[in-house]
Amino acid sequence: MPTREQARNLVLRLHGLSGGSEILRKAAARELARFDPLDANELMGHLISLARSGWEPATHVLSAFVTALAMEAAEMPYADELRRLAQVQSLPTVADLFAEGPARQEMDPGAAAKADARAFTQSLGHLKQQARLTRDPDVLSRLATVSNPLVVRNALLNPRLTEALVVRMAARRPARPEPLVEIWKSARWSVRHAVRRALVFNPYLPPEVGAKIVPLLNGTDLAELAADSSVHSSLREQAARLLEQGRVSG
């Protein structure tokens, strides 16, 4: 079983990697794949504990690991076993990472498509190109309201996009889950605290994504999330557990 000290050494090694968040995420996936599922869960437990202690490098590296659990699952043939085993191992903060089920609130896909059609008459191809290339902040702001995830994906690549607008996109209600997930997948924007916060407090975000953001929040955010009845119950419970872990370890 990996020890806490081994987890610390891993954090130091991966924190020094250059190349951006995608490189770090893939490195995290390779590290997880080296372990059997029981040891992978133990490692995740140590990383969560180190991050909750306030050590910034651990939070940075934990972000890559939790993202890898979803985006690099193909590299981990045992990925589907991790939640069940974490429960058997009595690692609740690890099991929490694998929340499932519908979002707290859901927007009808037909209603979303009709809203897009009313607001935009251009073809999907034109909207995607415009979202990625437009230099007009007003046009970009309008395109940021589209529910089609392909348009949102291109908008997130636009160099003129601002954090303030991404936060508005992440907090938008009602919303379809797909564009919110695109924001979470964005290597450029998902690392921003304000964006993470806007996503996790959005009741339209799928809990399977929210559960991977919660351990990256600070104590103030966790306390607020634990008391927020508008978010998914699993996220409230997860936030409360992490707060309790912080009090015990402190």
Foldseek 3Di string as FASTA:
>chain_A
DDDLVNLVVVLVVLLPDDDALVVLLVVLLVVLQVDDLLVSLVSLLSLLLVVLLVDVSSLSSLLSNLVCLPPVVVSHPCSVVNLVVCVVVVNVLSNLLQDADAFLDADDPVVLVVVQVVLDVDDPVVLLVCLQEPPDPVSVLSQLSRQPLSSLLNNLNHPPDDLVSLLCSLQDPPHHQNNNVSQCPDSVRVVDQSNLLSNLPRSNHGSNSNSSSLSSHHLVSLVVLLPDPSGDPSSNVSSVVSNVSSVVVD
